[in-house]
Full PDB file with SEQRES, HELIX, SHEET, SSBOND, CRYST1, ORIGX, SCALE, CONECT and MASTER records, all heavy atoms in Angstrom:
SEQRES   1 A   33  CYS SER CYS LEU GLY ALA GLU PRO PHE LEU GLU HIS VAL          
SEQRES   2 A   33  PHE PRO ASP ALA VAL VAL VAL CYS GLY THR ARG PRO ALA          
SEQRES   3 A   33  VAL VAL PRO TYR VAL ALA PRO                                  
HELIX    1 AA1 GLU A    7  LEU A   10  5                                   4    
HELIX    2 AA2 PRO A   15  CYS A   21  1                                   7    
CRYST1    1.000    1.000    1.000  90.00  90.00  90.00 P 1           1          
ORIGX1      1.000000  0.000000  0.000000        0.00000                         
ORIGX2      0.000000  1.000000  0.000000        0.00000                         
ORIGX3      0.000000  0.000000  1.000000        0.00000                         
SCALE1      1.000000  0.000000  0.000000        0.00000                         
SCALE2      0.000000  1.000000  0.000000        0.00000                         
SCALE3      0.000000  0.000000  1.000000        0.00000                         
ATOM      1  N   CYS A   1      -0.094 -27.485 -11.054  1.00  0.00           N  
ATOM      2  CA  CYS A   1      -0.858 -28.590 -11.257  1.00  0.00           C  
ATOM      3  C   CYS A   1      -0.222 -29.921 -10.634  1.00  0.00           C  
ATOM      4  O   CYS A   1      -0.738 -31.000 -10.744  1.00  0.00           O  
ATOM      5  CB  CYS A   1      -1.147 -28.837 -12.735  1.00  0.00           C  
ATOM      6  SG  CYS A   1      -2.210 -27.508 -13.475  1.00  0.00           S  
ATOM      7  N   SER A   2       0.856 -29.771 -10.040  1.00  0.00           N  
ATOM      8  CA  SER A   2       1.604 -30.942  -9.371  1.00  0.00           C  
ATOM      9  C   SER A   2       1.118 -31.095  -7.961  1.00  0.00           C  
ATOM     10  O   SER A   2       0.328 -30.200  -7.435  1.00  0.00           O  
ATOM     11  CB  SER A   2       3.145 -30.743  -9.377  1.00  0.00           C  
ATOM     12  OG  SER A   2       3.456 -29.744  -8.341  1.00  0.00           O  
ATOM     13  N   CYS A   3       1.515 -32.131  -7.304  1.00  0.00           N  
ATOM     14  CA  CYS A   3       1.105 -32.294  -5.938  1.00  0.00           C  
ATOM     15  C   CYS A   3       1.729 -31.201  -4.997  1.00  0.00           C  
ATOM     16  O   CYS A   3       1.174 -31.051  -3.919  1.00  0.00           O  
ATOM     17  CB  CYS A   3       1.536 -33.707  -5.428  1.00  0.00           C  
ATOM     18  SG  CYS A   3       3.253 -33.987  -5.522  1.00  0.00           S  
ATOM     19  N   LEU A   4       2.650 -30.508  -5.478  1.00  0.00           N  
ATOM     20  CA  LEU A   4       3.221 -29.405  -4.695  1.00  0.00           C  
ATOM     21  C   LEU A   4       2.370 -28.096  -4.763  1.00  0.00           C  
ATOM     22  O   LEU A   4       2.481 -27.287  -3.846  1.00  0.00           O  
ATOM     23  CB  LEU A   4       4.638 -29.080  -5.104  1.00  0.00           C  
ATOM     24  CG  LEU A   4       5.608 -30.217  -4.979  1.00  0.00           C  
ATOM     25  CD1 LEU A   4       6.932 -29.841  -5.685  1.00  0.00           C  
ATOM     26  CD2 LEU A   4       5.846 -30.624  -3.523  1.00  0.00           C  
ATOM     27  N   GLY A   5       1.566 -27.977  -5.772  1.00  0.00           N  
ATOM     28  CA  GLY A   5       0.748 -26.741  -5.956  1.00  0.00           C  
ATOM     29  C   GLY A   5       1.593 -25.534  -5.930  1.00  0.00           C  
ATOM     30  O   GLY A   5       2.583 -25.473  -6.648  1.00  0.00           O  
ATOM     31  N   ALA A   6       1.149 -24.472  -5.174  1.00  0.00           N  
ATOM     32  CA  ALA A   6       1.857 -23.217  -5.223  1.00  0.00           C  
ATOM     33  C   ALA A   6       3.045 -23.186  -4.179  1.00  0.00           C  
ATOM     34  O   ALA A   6       3.912 -22.301  -4.121  1.00  0.00           O  
ATOM     35  CB  ALA A   6       0.889 -22.050  -4.853  1.00  0.00           C  
ATOM     36  N   GLU A   7       3.196 -24.272  -3.364  1.00  0.00           N  
ATOM     37  CA  GLU A   7       4.176 -24.250  -2.230  1.00  0.00           C  
ATOM     38  C   GLU A   7       5.633 -23.853  -2.673  1.00  0.00           C  
ATOM     39  O   GLU A   7       6.236 -23.145  -2.023  1.00  0.00           O  
ATOM     40  CB  GLU A   7       4.198 -25.673  -1.610  1.00  0.00           C  
ATOM     41  CG  GLU A   7       5.127 -25.754  -0.325  1.00  0.00           C  
ATOM     42  CD  GLU A   7       4.984 -27.077   0.299  1.00  0.00           C  
ATOM     43  OE1 GLU A   7       3.932 -27.726   0.241  1.00  0.00           O  
ATOM     44  OE2 GLU A   7       5.999 -27.491   0.957  1.00  0.00           O  
ATOM     45  N   PRO A   8       6.100 -24.400  -3.886  1.00  0.00           N  
ATOM     46  CA  PRO A   8       7.480 -24.033  -4.303  1.00  0.00           C  
ATOM     47  C   PRO A   8       7.677 -22.477  -4.442  1.00  0.00           C  
ATOM     48  O   PRO A   8       8.809 -21.997  -4.311  1.00  0.00           O  
ATOM     49  CB  PRO A   8       7.708 -24.783  -5.548  1.00  0.00           C  
ATOM     50  CG  PRO A   8       6.792 -25.949  -5.455  1.00  0.00           C  
ATOM     51  CD  PRO A   8       5.522 -25.427  -4.706  1.00  0.00           C  
ATOM     52  N   PHE A   9       6.565 -21.837  -4.701  1.00  0.00           N  
ATOM     53  CA  PHE A   9       6.743 -20.374  -4.946  1.00  0.00           C  
ATOM     54  C   PHE A   9       6.599 -19.521  -3.661  1.00  0.00           C  
ATOM     55  O   PHE A   9       6.638 -18.280  -3.615  1.00  0.00           O  
ATOM     56  CB  PHE A   9       5.656 -19.896  -5.921  1.00  0.00           C  
ATOM     57  CG  PHE A   9       5.659 -20.409  -7.317  1.00  0.00           C  
ATOM     58  CD1 PHE A   9       4.962 -21.473  -7.731  1.00  0.00           C  
ATOM     59  CD2 PHE A   9       6.578 -19.834  -8.195  1.00  0.00           C  
ATOM     60  CE1 PHE A   9       5.129 -21.986  -9.013  1.00  0.00           C  
ATOM     61  CE2 PHE A   9       6.744 -20.303  -9.462  1.00  0.00           C  
ATOM     62  CZ  PHE A   9       5.989 -21.361  -9.918  1.00  0.00           C  
ATOM     63  N   LEU A  10       6.396 -20.182  -2.473  1.00  0.00           N  
ATOM     64  CA  LEU A  10       6.178 -19.459  -1.262  1.00  0.00           C  
ATOM     65  C   LEU A  10       7.504 -19.007  -0.628  1.00  0.00           C  
ATOM     66  O   LEU A  10       7.465 -18.094   0.241  1.00  0.00           O  
ATOM     67  CB  LEU A  10       5.369 -20.249  -0.293  1.00  0.00           C  
ATOM     68  CG  LEU A  10       3.952 -20.602  -0.806  1.00  0.00           C  
ATOM     69  CD1 LEU A  10       3.178 -21.355   0.364  1.00  0.00           C  
ATOM     70  CD2 LEU A  10       3.143 -19.380  -1.188  1.00  0.00           C  
ATOM     71  N   GLU A  11       8.598 -19.516  -1.033  1.00  0.00           N  
ATOM     72  CA  GLU A  11       9.972 -19.055  -0.628  1.00  0.00           C  
ATOM     73  C   GLU A  11      10.716 -18.732  -1.842  1.00  0.00           C  
ATOM     74  O   GLU A  11      10.668 -19.457  -2.819  1.00  0.00           O  
ATOM     75  CB  GLU A  11      10.659 -20.177   0.221  1.00  0.00           C  
ATOM     76  CG  GLU A  11       9.879 -20.548   1.452  1.00  0.00           C  
ATOM     77  CD  GLU A  11       9.860 -19.454   2.554  1.00  0.00           C  
ATOM     78  OE1 GLU A  11      10.845 -18.674   2.623  1.00  0.00           O  
ATOM     79  OE2 GLU A  11       8.937 -19.485   3.325  1.00  0.00           O  
ATOM     80  N   HIS A  12      11.460 -17.658  -1.753  1.00  0.00           N  
ATOM     81  CA  HIS A  12      12.252 -17.263  -2.937  1.00  0.00           C  
ATOM     82  C   HIS A  12      13.585 -18.035  -3.040  1.00  0.00           C  
ATOM     83  O   HIS A  12      14.171 -18.379  -1.947  1.00  0.00           O  
ATOM     84  CB  HIS A  12      12.598 -15.779  -2.913  1.00  0.00           C  
ATOM     85  CG  HIS A  12      11.414 -14.946  -3.272  1.00  0.00           C  
ATOM     86  ND1 HIS A  12      11.024 -14.717  -4.640  1.00  0.00           N  
ATOM     87  CD2 HIS A  12      10.520 -14.266  -2.605  1.00  0.00           C  
ATOM     88  CE1 HIS A  12       9.973 -13.980  -4.709  1.00  0.00           C  
ATOM     89  NE2 HIS A  12       9.584 -13.710  -3.525  1.00  0.00           N  
ATOM     90  N   VAL A  13      14.005 -18.353  -4.246  1.00  0.00           N  
ATOM     91  CA  VAL A  13      15.338 -19.037  -4.449  1.00  0.00           C  
ATOM     92  C   VAL A  13      16.297 -18.140  -5.073  1.00  0.00           C  
ATOM     93  O   VAL A  13      17.501 -18.511  -5.197  1.00  0.00           O  
ATOM     94  CB  VAL A  13      15.132 -20.356  -5.245  1.00  0.00           C  
ATOM     95  CG1 VAL A  13      14.350 -21.361  -4.477  1.00  0.00           C  
ATOM     96  CG2 VAL A  13      14.442 -20.115  -6.598  1.00  0.00           C  
ATOM     97  N   PHE A  14      15.927 -16.980  -5.610  1.00  0.00           N  
ATOM     98  CA  PHE A  14      16.911 -16.032  -6.181  1.00  0.00           C  
ATOM     99  C   PHE A  14      16.361 -14.540  -6.096  1.00  0.00           C  
ATOM    100  O   PHE A  14      15.085 -14.375  -6.079  1.00  0.00           O  
ATOM    101  CB  PHE A  14      17.230 -16.364  -7.675  1.00  0.00           C  
ATOM    102  CG  PHE A  14      16.078 -16.308  -8.594  1.00  0.00           C  
ATOM    103  CD1 PHE A  14      16.025 -15.241  -9.506  1.00  0.00           C  
ATOM    104  CD2 PHE A  14      15.110 -17.343  -8.621  1.00  0.00           C  
ATOM    105  CE1 PHE A  14      14.887 -15.284 -10.385  1.00  0.00           C  
ATOM    106  CE2 PHE A  14      14.107 -17.364  -9.567  1.00  0.00           C  
ATOM    107  CZ  PHE A  14      13.928 -16.264 -10.428  1.00  0.00           C  
ATOM    108  N   PRO A  15      17.199 -13.528  -5.849  1.00  0.00           N  
ATOM    109  CA  PRO A  15      16.786 -12.214  -5.591  1.00  0.00           C  
ATOM    110  C   PRO A  15      15.938 -11.516  -6.738  1.00  0.00           C  
ATOM    111  O   PRO A  15      15.038 -10.774  -6.426  1.00  0.00           O  
ATOM    112  CB  PRO A  15      18.120 -11.472  -5.443  1.00  0.00           C  
ATOM    113  CG  PRO A  15      19.085 -12.461  -5.038  1.00  0.00           C  
ATOM    114  CD  PRO A  15      18.655 -13.698  -5.754  1.00  0.00           C  
ATOM    115  N   ASP A  16      16.228 -11.815  -8.026  1.00  0.00           N  
ATOM    116  CA  ASP A  16      15.502 -11.179  -9.028  1.00  0.00           C  
ATOM    117  C   ASP A  16      13.974 -11.368  -8.985  1.00  0.00           C  
ATOM    118  O   ASP A  16      13.128 -10.492  -9.255  1.00  0.00           O  
ATOM    119  CB  ASP A  16      15.904 -11.644 -10.463  1.00  0.00           C  
ATOM    120  CG  ASP A  16      17.249 -11.035 -10.844  1.00  0.00           C  
ATOM    121  OD1 ASP A  16      17.732 -10.097 -10.150  1.00  0.00           O  
ATOM    122  OD2 ASP A  16      17.768 -11.471 -11.850  1.00  0.00           O  
ATOM    123  N   ALA A  17      13.484 -12.490  -8.447  1.00  0.00           N  
ATOM    124  CA  ALA A  17      12.129 -12.802  -8.379  1.00  0.00           C  
ATOM    125  C   ALA A  17      11.515 -11.963  -7.177  1.00  0.00           C  
ATOM    126  O   ALA A  17      10.323 -11.505  -7.315  1.00  0.00           O  
ATOM    127  CB  ALA A  17      11.863 -14.250  -8.023  1.00  0.00           C  
ATOM    128  N   VAL A  18      12.279 -11.594  -6.227  1.00  0.00           N  
ATOM    129  CA  VAL A  18      11.768 -10.708  -5.136  1.00  0.00           C  
ATOM    130  C   VAL A  18      11.500  -9.304  -5.734  1.00  0.00           C  
ATOM    131  O   VAL A  18      10.574  -8.700  -5.560  1.00  0.00           O  
ATOM    132  CB  VAL A  18      12.827 -10.556  -3.967  1.00  0.00           C  
ATOM    133  CG1 VAL A  18      12.325  -9.650  -2.951  1.00  0.00           C  
ATOM    134  CG2 VAL A  18      13.054 -11.940  -3.360  1.00  0.00           C  
ATOM    135  N   VAL A  19      12.515  -8.824  -6.517  1.00  0.00           N  
ATOM    136  CA  VAL A  19      12.478  -7.483  -7.110  1.00  0.00           C  
ATOM    137  C   VAL A  19      11.282  -7.330  -7.995  1.00  0.00           C  
ATOM    138  O   VAL A  19      10.529  -6.376  -7.923  1.00  0.00           O  
ATOM    139  CB  VAL A  19      13.809  -7.150  -7.848  1.00  0.00           C  
ATOM    140  CG1 VAL A  19      13.661  -5.816  -8.573  1.00  0.00           C  
ATOM    141  CG2 VAL A  19      14.976  -7.171  -6.843  1.00  0.00           C  
ATOM    142  N   VAL A  20      11.059  -8.310  -8.890  1.00  0.00           N  
ATOM    143  CA  VAL A  20       9.974  -8.253  -9.840  1.00  0.00           C  
ATOM    144  C   VAL A  20       8.559  -8.708  -9.303  1.00  0.00           C  
ATOM    145  O   VAL A  20       7.615  -8.083  -9.600  1.00  0.00           O  
ATOM    146  CB  VAL A  20      10.357  -9.002 -11.074  1.00  0.00           C  
ATOM    147  CG1 VAL A  20       9.249  -9.023 -12.125  1.00  0.00           C  
ATOM    148  CG2 VAL A  20      11.633  -8.487 -11.749  1.00  0.00           C  
ATOM    149  N   CYS A  21       8.544  -9.723  -8.593  1.00  0.00           N  
ATOM    150  CA  CYS A  21       7.240 -10.359  -8.196  1.00  0.00           C  
ATOM    151  C   CYS A  21       6.821 -10.031  -6.759  1.00  0.00           C  
ATOM    152  O   CYS A  21       5.737 -10.456  -6.299  1.00  0.00           O  
ATOM    153  CB  CYS A  21       7.310 -11.894  -8.334  1.00  0.00           C  
ATOM    154  SG  CYS A  21       7.555 -12.407 -10.026  1.00  0.00           S  
ATOM    155  N   GLY A  22       7.686  -9.400  -6.032  1.00  0.00           N  
ATOM    156  CA  GLY A  22       7.376  -9.032  -4.672  1.00  0.00           C  
ATOM    157  C   GLY A  22       7.850 -10.097  -3.720  1.00  0.00           C  
ATOM    158  O   GLY A  22       8.461 -11.034  -4.053  1.00  0.00           O  
ATOM    159  N   THR A  23       7.564  -9.878  -2.354  1.00  0.00           N  
ATOM    160  CA  THR A  23       8.109 -10.772  -1.374  1.00  0.00           C  
ATOM    161  C   THR A  23       7.410 -12.091  -1.294  1.00  0.00           C  
ATOM    162  O   THR A  23       7.939 -13.096  -0.856  1.00  0.00           O  
ATOM    163  CB  THR A  23       8.074 -10.124   0.043  1.00  0.00           C  
ATOM    164  OG1 THR A  23       6.647  -9.834   0.258  1.00  0.00           O  
ATOM    165  CG2 THR A  23       8.871  -8.951   0.192  1.00  0.00           C  
ATOM    166  N   ARG A  24       6.163 -12.131  -1.814  1.00  0.00           N  
ATOM    167  CA  ARG A  24       5.435 -13.466  -1.790  1.00  0.00           C  
ATOM    168  C   ARG A  24       4.227 -13.317  -2.715  1.00  0.00           C  
ATOM    169  O   ARG A  24       3.604 -12.220  -2.808  1.00  0.00           O  
ATOM    170  CB  ARG A  24       4.945 -13.689  -0.351  1.00  0.00           C  
ATOM    171  CG  ARG A  24       4.417 -15.008  -0.148  1.00  0.00           C  
ATOM    172  CD  ARG A  24       4.153 -15.172   1.369  1.00  0.00           C  
ATOM    173  NE  ARG A  24       3.568 -16.492   1.657  1.00  0.00           N  
ATOM    174  CZ  ARG A  24       4.148 -17.389   2.312  1.00  0.00           C  
ATOM    175  NH1 ARG A  24       5.274 -17.149   3.052  1.00  0.00           N  
ATOM    176  NH2 ARG A  24       3.610 -18.564   2.428  1.00  0.00           N  
ATOM    177  N   PRO A  25       3.929 -14.352  -3.503  1.00  0.00           N  
ATOM    178  CA  PRO A  25       2.663 -14.343  -4.323  1.00  0.00           C  
ATOM    179  C   PRO A  25       1.482 -14.586  -3.450  1.00  0.00           C  
ATOM    180  O   PRO A  25       1.446 -15.083  -2.386  1.00  0.00           O  
ATOM    181  CB  PRO A  25       2.894 -15.440  -5.288  1.00  0.00           C  
ATOM    182  CG  PRO A  25       3.755 -16.462  -4.451  1.00  0.00           C  
ATOM    183  CD  PRO A  25       4.597 -15.646  -3.593  1.00  0.00           C  
ATOM    184  N   ALA A  26       0.371 -14.027  -3.927  1.00  0.00           N  
ATOM    185  CA  ALA A  26      -1.008 -14.400  -3.423  1.00  0.00           C  
ATOM    186  C   ALA A  26      -1.352 -15.820  -4.018  1.00  0.00           C  
ATOM    187  O   ALA A  26      -0.997 -16.103  -5.148  1.00  0.00           O  
ATOM    188  CB  ALA A  26      -2.073 -13.400  -3.839  1.00  0.00           C  
ATOM    189  N   VAL A  27      -2.047 -16.619  -3.209  1.00  0.00           N  
ATOM    190  CA  VAL A  27      -2.382 -17.976  -3.603  1.00  0.00           C  
ATOM    191  C   VAL A  27      -3.826 -18.296  -3.465  1.00  0.00           C  
ATOM    192  O   VAL A  27      -4.423 -18.015  -2.377  1.00  0.00           O  
ATOM    193  CB  VAL A  27      -1.547 -19.031  -2.895  1.00  0.00           C  
ATOM    194  CG1 VAL A  27      -1.909 -20.418  -3.303  1.00  0.00           C  
ATOM    195  CG2 VAL A  27      -0.035 -18.802  -3.150  1.00  0.00           C  
ATOM    196  N   VAL A  28      -4.462 -18.877  -4.443  1.00  0.00           N  
ATOM    197  CA  VAL A  28      -5.868 -19.214  -4.349  1.00  0.00           C  
ATOM    198  C   VAL A  28      -5.911 -20.761  -4.629  1.00  0.00           C  
ATOM    199  O   VAL A  28      -5.437 -21.261  -5.714  1.00  0.00           O  
ATOM    200  CB  VAL A  28      -6.717 -18.505  -5.360  1.00  0.00           C  
ATOM    201  CG1 VAL A  28      -8.228 -19.007  -5.313  1.00  0.00           C  
ATOM    202  CG2 VAL A  28      -6.713 -16.959  -5.035  1.00  0.00           C  
ATOM    203  N   PRO A  29      -6.477 -21.524  -3.720  1.00  0.00           N  
ATOM    204  CA  PRO A  29      -6.625 -22.997  -3.998  1.00  0.00           C  
ATOM    205  C   PRO A  29      -7.544 -23.167  -5.196  1.00  0.00           C  
ATOM    206  O   PRO A  29      -8.324 -22.283  -5.455  1.00  0.00           O  
ATOM    207  CB  PRO A  29      -7.176 -23.601  -2.702  1.00  0.00           C  
ATOM    208  CG  PRO A  29      -7.102 -22.553  -1.730  1.00  0.00           C  
ATOM    209  CD  PRO A  29      -6.912 -21.200  -2.432  1.00  0.00           C  
ATOM    210  N   TYR A  30      -7.593 -24.375  -5.772  1.00  0.00           N  
ATOM    211  CA  TYR A  30      -8.408 -24.602  -6.953  1.00  0.00           C  
ATOM    212  C   TYR A  30      -9.907 -24.360  -6.525  1.00  0.00           C  
ATOM    213  O   TYR A  30     -10.409 -24.937  -5.520  1.00  0.00           O  
ATOM    214  CB  TYR A  30      -8.280 -26.005  -7.532  1.00  0.00           C  
ATOM    215  CG  TYR A  30      -9.227 -26.159  -8.717  1.00  0.00           C  
ATOM    216  CD1 TYR A  30      -8.840 -25.624  -9.933  1.00  0.00           C  
ATOM    217  CD2 TYR A  30     -10.498 -26.783  -8.534  1.00  0.00           C  
ATOM    218  CE1 TYR A  30      -9.722 -25.683 -10.994  1.00  0.00           C  
ATOM    219  CE2 TYR A  30     -11.310 -26.932  -9.678  1.00  0.00           C  
ATOM    220  CZ  TYR A  30     -10.917 -26.417 -10.805  1.00  0.00           C  
ATOM    221  OH  TYR A  30     -11.820 -26.440 -11.916  1.00  0.00           O  
ATOM    222  N   VAL A  31     -10.543 -23.588  -7.370  1.00  0.00           N  
ATOM    223  CA  VAL A  31     -12.011 -23.372  -7.384  1.00  0.00           C  
ATOM    224  C   VAL A  31     -12.435 -23.331  -8.798  1.00  0.00           C  
ATOM    225  O   VAL A  31     -11.787 -22.665  -9.673  1.00  0.00           O  
ATOM    226  CB  VAL A  31     -12.404 -22.040  -6.595  1.00  0.00           C  
ATOM    227  CG1 VAL A  31     -13.897 -21.846  -6.641  1.00  0.00           C  
ATOM    228  CG2 VAL A  31     -11.833 -22.049  -5.231  1.00  0.00           C  
ATOM    229  N   ALA A  32     -13.610 -23.960  -9.074  1.00  0.00           N  
ATOM    230  CA  ALA A  32     -14.075 -23.912 -10.517  1.00  0.00           C  
ATOM    231  C   ALA A  32     -14.332 -22.553 -10.969  1.00  0.00           C  
ATOM    232  O   ALA A  32     -14.763 -21.705 -10.202  1.00  0.00           O  
ATOM    233  CB  ALA A  32     -15.314 -24.806 -10.582  1.00  0.00           C  
ATOM    234  N   PRO A  33     -14.006 -22.216 -12.220  1.00  0.00           N  
ATOM    235  CA  PRO A  33     -14.151 -20.838 -12.761  1.00  0.00           C  
ATOM    236  C   PRO A  33     -15.647 -20.391 -12.575  1.00  0.00           C  
ATOM    237  O   PRO A  33     -16.556 -21.233 -12.734  1.00  0.00           O  
ATOM    238  CB  PRO A  33     -13.831 -21.014 -14.252  1.00  0.00           C  
ATOM    239  CG  PRO A  33     -12.888 -22.119 -14.209  1.00  0.00           C  
ATOM    240  CD  PRO A  33     -13.348 -23.108 -13.188  1.00  0.00           C  
TER     241      PRO A  33                                                      
MASTER        0    0    0    2    0    0    0    6  240    1    0    3          
END                                                                             
């Protein structure tokens, strides 16, 4: 919900996140439910 959106999650900062969450998350811009 910040001005950064999902951008900080597009590059990994530690290996455990790669192992558990995969190489990259899928991202959907805001769309009303």
